[in-house]
């Protein structure tokens, strides 16, 4: 018996077994709707930007279908199509931020932009219609958000700009999402890399594996050294981060004030554990103080979220649930209306941001 006849049948059997196993895993992952994580969302909706200060941006006209559908309109914003020129008689809110503003894990109608638009419409009466435009991009930091305001959002003539501030917005430019964009660009330079990308784009199982590996690697390479919530920088945050905050918030105010645009900083807490032992209260106070000193309004959402068990208002430790977004939208609306911005002050006997019930909102799961 030749060497070929002895070796080929076992190799064919092994190869066939591997293919069958992979096929079973792929079918199983699809039937079970196993979450594939943010890598696939990023792959479908994020691209490199020609603006060197942004580095990456949402891909206009793209759609990602993961746990929910993520739709990016022709203007590069998550949400329905919108004209750049503001219609007469319409008030506009520009929402800036990272994946919290974008709305990871939740359907478009459950994200902050739509929920705020809905709540503002409820109290407007015969006033002007309001559009809330979602300029959130997963992975953006505060510097990129300021650049988004300067280079993009102002062209839409907003009456109000809301900065959805996540406590990791002070991290450096090398975010998790930027790492993914750079890795994909490197792979596309070779035939093998393009095949690799093709497999990952169509396989739920391999996308799941990629997410687990890429998350660990990207965080090691891009996030850990610059995350102000990390152990290394936490002790320095209240001292060193104030200067960075002041520079960014002052830049925001300088862009808004000459145009008569109101600016609001909505500070989101981290949903890591009991509110009684919340570790970042000092950082909240620092953000609020610097924002107010810069002439911006502040909504510290900790006070509303503290009325609920932390697990009921989150999908994961960073991102709110649909109810969590409604709570944030309610608090932001109340601050706007109290100042007569786009709406009148709501009645004092109405519901507060602490009066919502979990069963009234869809349940979603992240990764």
Protein backbone atom coordinates (compact mmCIF):
# COMPACT_ATOMS: atom_id res chain seq x y z
CA UNK A 1 0.00 0.00 0.00
CA UNK A 2 1.42 3.40 -1.01
CA UNK A 3 2.04 6.22 1.39
CA UNK A 4 -0.66 8.27 -0.33
CA UNK A 5 -3.30 5.58 0.10
CA UNK A 6 -2.39 5.20 3.76
CA UNK A 7 -2.37 8.96 4.57
CA UNK A 8 -5.09 10.50 2.43
CA UNK A 9 -8.15 8.62 3.80
CA UNK A 10 -7.40 9.54 7.46
CA UNK A 11 -6.71 13.13 6.44
CA UNK A 12 -9.95 13.29 4.49
CA UNK A 13 -11.81 11.85 7.47
CA UNK A 14 -10.29 14.45 9.80
CA UNK A 15 -11.02 17.28 7.38
CA UNK A 16 -14.59 16.09 6.91
CA UNK A 17 -15.08 15.81 10.67
CA UNK A 18 -13.77 19.32 11.18
CA UNK A 19 -16.05 20.73 8.47
CA UNK A 20 -19.10 18.96 9.89
CA UNK A 21 -18.26 20.20 13.38
CA UNK A 22 -17.90 23.76 12.14
CA UNK A 23 -21.16 23.49 10.23
CA UNK A 24 -22.98 22.20 13.31
CA UNK A 25 -21.52 24.99 15.41
CA UNK A 26 -22.51 27.61 12.82
CA UNK A 27 -26.09 26.32 12.63
CA UNK A 28 -26.27 26.07 16.40
CA UNK A 29 -25.04 29.63 16.91
CA UNK A 30 -27.57 30.94 14.40
CA UNK A 31 -30.50 28.98 15.80
CA UNK A 32 -29.63 30.03 19.35
CA UNK A 33 -29.09 33.66 18.24
CA UNK A 34 -25.78 33.75 20.10
CA UNK A 35 -24.68 37.39 20.45
CA UNK A 36 -21.67 38.19 18.31
CA UNK A 37 -20.67 41.31 20.19
CA UNK A 38 -19.63 44.72 19.04
CA UNK A 39 -17.03 43.54 16.53
CA UNK A 40 -19.66 42.70 13.91
CA UNK A 41 -21.53 45.94 14.53
CA UNK A 42 -18.26 47.79 14.11
CA UNK A 43 -17.36 45.84 10.95
CA UNK A 44 -20.61 46.75 9.22
CA UNK A 45 -21.06 50.35 10.34
CA UNK A 46 -17.63 51.93 10.99
CA UNK A 47 -15.01 53.07 8.50
CA UNK A 48 -11.84 55.15 8.45
CA UNK A 49 -12.40 58.91 8.30
CA UNK A 50 -10.57 61.36 6.07
CA UNK A 51 -10.63 63.76 9.03
CA UNK A 52 -7.37 63.07 10.92
CA UNK A 53 -8.92 64.28 14.18
CA UNK A 54 -11.80 61.82 13.93
CA UNK A 55 -9.77 58.86 12.64
CA UNK A 56 -12.95 56.79 12.09
CA UNK A 57 -16.67 57.42 11.60
CA UNK A 58 -19.97 55.71 10.81
CA UNK A 59 -20.36 54.42 7.26
CA UNK A 60 -23.30 56.24 5.55
CA UNK A 61 -26.09 53.97 4.38
CA UNK A 62 -24.85 50.92 6.28
CA UNK A 63 -26.93 48.40 8.21
CA UNK A 64 -25.78 45.91 10.84
CA UNK A 65 -28.03 43.15 12.11
CA UNK A 66 -26.87 41.68 15.39
CA UNK A 67 -28.98 41.56 18.55
CA UNK A 68 -30.98 44.43 17.02
CA UNK A 69 -30.78 46.29 13.72
CA UNK A 70 -28.39 49.24 13.51
CA UNK A 71 -29.25 51.58 10.64
CA UNK A 72 -26.97 54.44 9.55
CA UNK A 73 -28.58 57.03 7.30
CA UNK A 74 -27.09 58.72 4.25
CA UNK A 75 -25.68 61.50 6.45
CA UNK A 76 -23.74 59.03 8.57
CA UNK A 77 -26.01 59.22 11.63
CA UNK A 78 -27.83 56.38 13.35
CA UNK A 79 -31.51 57.00 12.71
CA UNK A 80 -33.96 57.88 9.94
CA UNK A 81 -33.01 59.94 6.92
CA UNK A 82 -32.76 63.65 7.62
CA UNK A 83 -32.05 66.74 5.53
CA UNK A 84 -29.01 68.77 6.52
CA UNK A 85 -30.95 72.01 6.17
CA UNK A 86 -33.25 72.52 9.15
CA UNK A 87 -36.93 72.77 8.17
CA UNK A 88 -38.71 75.94 9.16
CA UNK A 89 -40.43 75.78 12.52
CA UNK A 90 -38.41 72.77 13.70
CA UNK A 91 -36.16 72.75 16.73
CA UNK A 92 -33.05 70.60 16.59
CA UNK A 93 -30.98 68.81 19.19
CA UNK A 94 -27.56 67.41 18.28
CA UNK A 95 -26.63 64.45 20.47
CA UNK A 96 -22.87 63.80 20.69
CA UNK A 97 -21.10 60.91 22.35
CA UNK A 98 -19.76 57.40 22.04
CA UNK A 99 -21.58 54.04 22.08
CA UNK A 100 -23.91 55.32 24.81
CA UNK A 101 -25.23 58.02 22.49
CA UNK A 102 -25.13 55.64 19.51
CA UNK A 103 -27.17 53.08 21.46
CA UNK A 104 -25.32 49.76 21.63
CA UNK A 105 -27.61 46.76 22.23
CA UNK A 106 -30.93 48.62 21.91
CA UNK A 107 -33.25 49.18 18.98
CA UNK A 108 -33.32 52.62 17.41
CA UNK A 109 -36.61 53.51 19.07
CA UNK A 110 -35.20 52.60 22.49
CA UNK A 111 -31.97 54.62 22.20
CA UNK A 112 -31.50 58.02 23.81
CA UNK A 113 -32.08 60.18 20.71
CA UNK A 114 -35.50 58.76 19.88
CA UNK A 115 -36.64 58.59 23.51
CA UNK A 116 -35.69 62.22 24.11
CA UNK A 117 -37.42 63.29 20.90
CA UNK A 118 -40.56 61.45 22.02
CA UNK A 119 -40.57 63.01 25.50
CA UNK A 120 -40.00 66.51 24.12
CA UNK A 121 -42.92 66.05 21.72
CA UNK A 122 -45.18 65.11 24.65
CA UNK A 123 -44.67 68.44 26.41
CA UNK A 124 -44.51 70.75 23.43
CA UNK A 125 -48.23 71.17 22.87
CA UNK A 126 -48.59 73.52 19.91
CA UNK A 127 -44.89 74.43 19.96
CA UNK A 128 -42.37 73.68 17.22
CA UNK A 129 -41.55 70.12 16.29
CA UNK A 130 -38.22 68.82 17.56
CA UNK A 131 -35.67 66.54 15.89
CA UNK A 132 -32.96 64.86 17.94
CA UNK A 133 -30.06 63.91 15.65
CA UNK A 134 -27.76 61.13 16.82
CA UNK A 135 -24.10 61.96 16.14
CA UNK A 136 -22.88 59.24 18.53
CA UNK A 137 -20.08 56.99 17.27
CA UNK A 138 -18.95 53.92 19.26
CA UNK A 139 -15.46 54.40 20.64
CA UNK A 140 -15.30 58.19 20.40
CA UNK A 141 -13.59 60.13 23.16
CA UNK A 142 -14.16 63.72 24.20
CA UNK A 143 -11.69 65.16 21.69
CA UNK A 144 -13.42 63.35 18.81
CA UNK A 145 -16.81 64.50 20.05
CA UNK A 146 -15.65 68.13 20.04
CA UNK A 147 -14.35 67.65 16.49
CA UNK A 148 -17.68 66.08 15.47
CA UNK A 149 -19.43 69.18 16.75
CA UNK A 150 -17.06 71.48 14.85
CA UNK A 151 -16.84 69.61 11.57
CA UNK A 152 -20.29 68.04 11.30
CA UNK A 153 -23.02 68.84 13.81
CA UNK A 154 -22.98 72.63 13.52
CA UNK A 155 -23.90 72.34 9.84
CA UNK A 156 -27.30 70.98 10.92
CA UNK A 157 -28.15 74.21 12.78
CA UNK A 158 -28.91 72.72 16.19
CA UNK A 159 -30.63 74.78 18.86
CA UNK A 160 -29.18 72.57 21.58
CA UNK A 161 -26.12 70.33 21.76
CA UNK A 162 -26.14 67.48 24.27
CA UNK A 163 -22.92 65.71 25.14
CA UNK A 164 -23.65 62.20 26.46
CA UNK A 165 -20.60 61.96 28.69
CA UNK A 166 -19.29 58.49 29.54
CA UNK A 167 -16.67 58.32 32.27
CA UNK A 168 -14.19 56.75 29.85
CA UNK A 169 -14.49 59.65 27.39
CA UNK A 170 -11.17 60.97 28.64
CA UNK A 171 -9.24 57.97 27.35
CA UNK A 172 -6.72 58.51 24.56
CA UNK A 173 -7.38 58.35 20.85
CA UNK A 174 -6.50 54.65 20.68
CA UNK A 175 -9.88 53.23 21.59
CA UNK A 176 -11.12 49.67 21.21
CA UNK A 177 -13.08 50.57 18.07
CA UNK A 178 -10.13 52.32 16.45
CA UNK A 179 -8.06 49.22 17.10
CA UNK A 180 -10.63 47.13 15.22
CA UNK A 181 -10.64 49.53 12.26
CA UNK A 182 -6.86 49.47 12.06
CA UNK A 183 -6.69 45.68 12.32
CA UNK A 184 -9.20 45.25 9.48
CA UNK A 185 -7.33 47.73 7.28
CA UNK A 186 -4.13 45.74 7.81
CA UNK A 187 -5.80 42.45 6.92
CA UNK A 188 -7.27 43.83 3.68
CA UNK A 189 -3.77 44.37 2.28
CA UNK A 190 -3.31 40.66 1.60
CA UNK A 191 -5.37 38.00 -0.17
CA UNK A 192 -5.35 35.80 2.92
CA UNK A 193 -6.49 38.74 5.01
CA UNK A 194 -9.37 39.49 2.62
CA UNK A 195 -10.48 35.85 2.81
CA UNK A 196 -10.24 36.10 6.58
CA UNK A 197 -12.49 39.18 6.53
CA UNK A 198 -14.97 37.46 4.22
CA UNK A 199 -15.32 34.48 6.56
CA UNK A 200 -15.77 36.72 9.59
CA UNK A 201 -18.38 38.82 7.79
CA UNK A 202 -20.60 35.80 7.10
CA UNK A 203 -20.03 33.37 9.96
CA UNK A 204 -21.69 33.90 13.33
CA UNK A 205 -19.49 31.28 15.01
CA UNK A 206 -16.20 32.72 13.80
CA UNK A 207 -17.45 36.23 14.55
CA UNK A 208 -18.11 35.11 18.12
CA UNK A 209 -14.60 33.69 18.40
CA UNK A 210 -13.18 36.87 16.92
CA UNK A 211 -15.06 39.00 19.42
CA UNK A 212 -13.69 37.09 22.38
CA UNK A 213 -10.12 37.28 21.10
CA UNK A 214 -10.27 40.82 19.72
CA UNK A 215 -11.87 42.23 22.84
CA UNK A 216 -9.03 41.02 25.03
CA UNK A 217 -6.32 42.07 22.60
CA UNK A 218 -7.79 45.47 21.72
CA UNK A 219 -8.33 46.37 25.33
CA UNK A 220 -4.78 45.39 26.14
CA UNK A 221 -3.37 47.43 23.27
CA UNK A 222 -5.63 50.47 23.13
CA UNK A 223 -7.69 51.03 26.25
CA UNK A 224 -5.97 49.99 29.43
CA UNK A 225 -3.19 52.55 29.48
CA UNK A 226 -5.45 55.55 29.00
CA UNK A 227 -8.71 54.67 30.70
CA UNK A 228 -9.24 57.23 33.49
CA UNK A 229 -11.21 54.64 35.45
CA UNK A 230 -8.32 52.20 35.57
CA UNK A 231 -6.55 51.62 38.86
CA UNK A 232 -3.47 53.46 37.66
CA UNK A 233 -5.25 56.67 36.72
CA UNK A 234 -8.18 56.66 39.12
CA UNK A 235 -6.18 58.31 41.87
CA UNK A 236 -4.98 60.97 39.43
CA UNK A 237 -8.35 61.58 37.74
CA UNK A 238 -9.58 64.43 39.92
CA UNK A 239 -6.32 66.35 39.51
CA UNK A 240 -5.03 65.61 36.01
CA UNK A 241 -8.35 65.17 34.24
CA UNK A 242 -9.70 68.58 35.23
CA UNK A 243 -7.35 70.30 32.78
CA UNK A 244 -8.37 68.00 29.94
CA UNK A 245 -12.04 68.50 30.77
CA UNK A 246 -11.66 72.27 30.96
CA UNK A 247 -9.94 72.42 27.58
CA UNK A 248 -12.62 70.31 25.88
CA UNK A 249 -15.63 71.92 27.52
CA UNK A 250 -14.25 75.40 26.86
CA UNK A 251 -13.84 74.45 23.20
CA UNK A 252 -17.47 73.29 23.10
CA UNK A 253 -18.71 76.52 24.63
CA UNK A 254 -16.57 78.59 22.25
CA UNK A 255 -18.25 76.88 19.30
CA UNK A 256 -21.77 77.27 20.70
CA UNK A 257 -21.89 80.69 22.34
CA UNK A 258 -21.44 82.87 19.21
CA UNK A 259 -24.26 80.95 17.56
CA UNK A 260 -26.65 81.20 20.51
CA UNK A 261 -26.72 77.42 20.95
CA UNK A 262 -27.25 75.90 24.38
CA UNK A 263 -24.88 73.17 25.53
CA UNK A 264 -25.70 70.36 27.95
CA UNK A 265 -23.41 67.73 29.47
CA UNK A 266 -25.31 64.60 30.56
CA UNK A 267 -23.05 62.54 32.83
CA UNK A 268 -23.72 58.80 32.72
CA UNK A 269 -22.54 56.64 35.64
CA UNK A 270 -20.90 53.25 35.30
CA UNK A 271 -23.29 50.42 36.14
CA UNK A 272 -20.79 48.28 38.00
CA UNK A 273 -22.47 47.64 41.33
CA UNK A 274 -24.51 48.97 44.20
CA UNK A 275 -25.04 52.71 44.18
CA UNK A 276 -24.25 52.77 47.91
CA UNK A 277 -20.63 51.90 47.16
CA UNK A 278 -20.33 53.78 43.86
CA UNK A 279 -16.62 54.56 43.36
CA UNK A 280 -16.74 57.47 40.89
CA UNK A 281 -18.78 60.11 42.71
CA UNK A 282 -15.75 62.40 42.86
CA UNK A 283 -15.25 62.19 39.12
CA UNK A 284 -18.93 63.05 38.58
CA UNK A 285 -18.50 66.17 40.71
CA UNK A 286 -15.35 67.15 38.82
CA UNK A 287 -17.08 66.80 35.44
CA UNK A 288 -20.09 68.80 36.63
CA UNK A 289 -17.99 71.57 38.17
CA UNK A 290 -15.77 72.01 35.11
CA UNK A 291 -18.75 71.93 32.73
CA UNK A 292 -20.61 74.58 34.71
CA UNK A 293 -17.47 76.74 34.93
CA UNK A 294 -17.28 76.48 31.13
CA UNK A 295 -20.84 77.78 30.77
CA UNK A 296 -22.56 74.46 30.03
CA UNK A 297 -25.64 73.01 31.68
CA UNK A 298 -25.18 69.71 33.52
CA UNK A 299 -27.41 66.69 34.09
CA UNK A 300 -25.83 64.22 36.51
CA UNK A 301 -27.83 61.08 35.80
CA UNK A 302 -26.54 59.30 38.89
CA UNK A 303 -29.33 60.87 40.94
CA UNK A 304 -32.06 59.43 38.72
CA UNK A 305 -30.47 56.00 38.32
CA UNK A 306 -29.91 55.71 42.06
CA UNK A 307 -33.67 55.26 42.44
CA UNK A 308 -33.42 51.82 40.80
CA UNK A 309 -31.42 48.66 41.26
CA UNK A 310 -28.42 49.09 38.99
CA UNK A 311 -29.12 45.86 37.09
CA UNK A 312 -32.55 47.13 36.03
CA UNK A 313 -31.21 50.16 34.17
CA UNK A 314 -28.30 48.60 32.31
CA UNK A 315 -27.51 46.13 29.56
CA UNK A 316 -23.88 45.95 30.64
CA UNK A 317 -21.58 47.95 32.91
CA UNK A 318 -21.45 50.86 30.44
CA UNK A 319 -24.65 50.87 28.41
CA UNK A 320 -28.19 51.61 29.65
CA UNK A 321 -31.16 49.38 28.96
CA UNK A 322 -34.26 50.73 27.18
CA UNK A 323 -35.62 51.82 30.57
CA UNK A 324 -32.23 53.28 31.41
CA UNK A 325 -32.35 55.41 28.28
CA UNK A 326 -35.88 56.55 29.10
CA UNK A 327 -34.72 57.64 32.53
CA UNK A 328 -31.85 59.62 30.99
CA UNK A 329 -34.15 61.19 28.39
CA UNK A 330 -36.60 62.20 31.12
CA UNK A 331 -33.88 63.88 33.20
CA UNK A 332 -32.46 65.73 30.18
CA UNK A 333 -35.90 66.87 29.09
CA UNK A 334 -36.66 68.23 32.56
CA UNK A 335 -33.47 70.33 32.54
CA UNK A 336 -34.24 71.70 29.07
CA UNK A 337 -37.84 72.49 29.91
CA UNK A 338 -36.93 74.10 33.24
CA UNK A 339 -34.83 76.56 31.22
CA UNK A 340 -37.53 77.03 28.58
CA UNK A 341 -35.35 75.42 25.93
CA UNK A 342 -37.53 73.91 23.18
CA UNK A 343 -40.32 73.21 25.69
CA UNK A 344 -42.14 74.63 28.69
CA UNK A 345 -41.56 73.43 32.23
CA UNK A 346 -43.57 70.25 32.91
CA UNK A 347 -46.24 70.25 35.60
CA UNK A 348 -44.92 69.68 39.08
CA UNK A 349 -47.29 66.79 39.76
CA UNK A 350 -46.18 64.70 36.78
CA UNK A 351 -44.01 61.57 36.84
CA UNK A 352 -40.34 61.93 37.69
CA UNK A 353 -37.28 60.13 36.37
CA UNK A 354 -37.67 57.65 39.26
CA UNK A 355 -41.22 56.56 38.39
CA UNK A 356 -40.61 54.00 35.63
CA UNK A 357 -41.22 50.25 35.77
CA UNK A 358 -39.09 47.54 34.20
CA UNK A 359 -42.06 45.59 32.84
CA UNK A 360 -43.03 48.53 30.62
CA UNK A 361 -39.86 48.23 28.54
CA UNK A 362 -38.38 45.54 26.30
CA UNK A 363 -35.72 43.29 27.75
CA UNK A 364 -32.48 43.15 25.80
CA UNK A 365 -29.17 41.46 26.35
CA UNK A 366 -25.74 42.57 25.35
CA UNK A 367 -22.71 40.39 25.17
